[in-house]
Amino acid sequence: MAMNVERFVWLIVGGGIALVAGLWLVAFFDAWSVAWLAGAGLALLGAGSLGGGIDSRIEI
């Protein structure tokens, strides 16, 4: 059980940090530049990790 809680926390925190970093990159660089695309990918990865962490704790 402790391992699941630890993984849950890592997914939430890491996903949140990646999401915010990606959104900052998207906000500061020109659309479709390499940095903008990297930011968009990072934001998608962060959102997926955040959603996965939340979903792992929801019981139906």
C-alpha atoms as a PDB file:
ATOM      1  CA  MET A   1       0.000   0.000   0.000  1.00  0.00           C
ATOM      2  CA  ALA A   2       2.792   2.448   0.827  1.00  0.00           C
ATOM      3  CA  MET A   3       4.279   1.936  -2.625  1.00  0.00           C
ATOM      4  CA  ASN A   4       0.996   2.956  -4.287  1.00  0.00           C
ATOM      5  CA  VAL A   5       0.754   6.114  -2.205  1.00  0.00           C
ATOM      6  CA  GLU A   6       4.334   6.977  -3.054  1.00  0.00           C
ATOM      7  CA  ARG A   7       3.733   6.465  -6.777  1.00  0.00           C
ATOM      8  CA  PHE A   8       0.539   8.509  -6.552  1.00  0.00           C
ATOM      9  CA  VAL A   9       2.399  11.429  -4.978  1.00  0.00           C
ATOM     10  CA  TRP A  10       5.216  11.267  -7.528  1.00  0.00           C
ATOM     11  CA  LEU A  11       2.750  11.281 -10.432  1.00  0.00           C
ATOM     12  CA  ILE A  12       0.790  14.229  -9.038  1.00  0.00           C
ATOM     13  CA  VAL A  13       3.819  16.367  -8.158  1.00  0.00           C
ATOM     14  CA  GLY A  14       5.871  15.477 -11.239  1.00  0.00           C
ATOM     15  CA  GLY A  15       2.891  15.897 -13.534  1.00  0.00           C
ATOM     16  CA  GLY A  16       2.054  19.278 -12.061  1.00  0.00           C
ATOM     17  CA  ILE A  17       5.606  20.525 -12.430  1.00  0.00           C
ATOM     18  CA  ALA A  18       5.857  19.255 -16.019  1.00  0.00           C
ATOM     19  CA  LEU A  19       2.498  20.782 -16.895  1.00  0.00           C
ATOM     20  CA  VAL A  20       3.430  24.217 -15.543  1.00  0.00           C
ATOM     21  CA  ALA A  21       6.890  24.146 -17.171  1.00  0.00           C
ATOM     22  CA  GLY A  22       5.377  23.142 -20.499  1.00  0.00           C
ATOM     23  CA  LEU A  23       2.770  25.881 -20.354  1.00  0.00           C
ATOM     24  CA  TRP A  24       5.451  28.474 -19.600  1.00  0.00           C
ATOM     25  CA  LEU A  25       7.422  27.339 -22.654  1.00  0.00           C
ATOM     26  CA  VAL A  26       4.318  27.559 -24.822  1.00  0.00           C
ATOM     27  CA  ALA A  27       3.573  31.046 -23.489  1.00  0.00           C
ATOM     28  CA  PHE A  28       7.049  32.476 -24.128  1.00  0.00           C
ATOM     29  CA  PHE A  29       8.072  31.030 -27.495  1.00  0.00           C
ATOM     30  CA  ASP A  30       6.730  31.525 -31.012  1.00  0.00           C
ATOM     31  CA  ALA A  31       4.107  29.061 -32.165  1.00  0.00           C
ATOM     32  CA  TRP A  32       5.470  25.938 -33.880  1.00  0.00           C
ATOM     33  CA  SER A  33       9.093  26.657 -32.945  1.00  0.00           C
ATOM     34  CA  VAL A  34      11.145  23.790 -31.520  1.00  0.00           C
ATOM     35  CA  ALA A  35      10.887  25.178 -27.974  1.00  0.00           C
ATOM     36  CA  TRP A  36       7.120  25.686 -28.373  1.00  0.00           C
ATOM     37  CA  LEU A  37       6.677  22.090 -29.552  1.00  0.00           C
ATOM     38  CA  ALA A  38       8.803  20.837 -26.657  1.00  0.00           C
ATOM     39  CA  GLY A  39       6.636  22.841 -24.257  1.00  0.00           C
ATOM     40  CA  ALA A  40       3.450  21.476 -25.790  1.00  0.00           C
ATOM     41  CA  GLY A  41       4.771  17.921 -25.466  1.00  0.00           C
ATOM     42  CA  LEU A  42       5.854  18.537 -21.897  1.00  0.00           C
ATOM     43  CA  ALA A  43       2.448  19.992 -21.034  1.00  0.00           C
ATOM     44  CA  LEU A  44       0.688  16.960 -22.538  1.00  0.00           C
ATOM     45  CA  LEU A  45       3.000  14.598 -20.665  1.00  0.00           C
ATOM     46  CA  GLY A  46       2.399  16.498 -17.420  1.00  0.00           C
ATOM     47  CA  ALA A  47      -1.364  16.496 -17.893  1.00  0.00           C
ATOM     48  CA  GLY A  48      -1.293  12.773 -18.588  1.00  0.00           C
ATOM     49  CA  SER A  49       0.798  12.085 -15.506  1.00  0.00           C
ATOM     50  CA  LEU A  50      -1.436  14.274 -13.361  1.00  0.00           C
ATOM     51  CA  GLY A  51      -4.537  12.517 -14.665  1.00  0.00           C
ATOM     52  CA  GLY A  52      -2.955   9.101 -14.190  1.00  0.00           C
ATOM     53  CA  GLY A  53      -2.022   9.904 -10.617  1.00  0.00           C
ATOM     54  CA  ILE A  54      -5.522  11.070  -9.809  1.00  0.00           C
ATOM     55  CA  ASP A  55      -7.097   8.113 -11.602  1.00  0.00           C
ATOM     56  CA  SER A  56      -4.934   5.625  -9.658  1.00  0.00           C
ATOM     57  CA  ARG A  57      -6.567   6.743  -6.395  1.00  0.00           C
ATOM     58  CA  ILE A  58     -10.199   6.789  -7.557  1.00  0.00           C
ATOM     59  CA  GLU A  59     -12.160   3.712  -6.556  1.00  0.00           C
ATOM     60  CA  ILE A  60     -15.368   2.867  -8.351  1.00  0.00           C
END
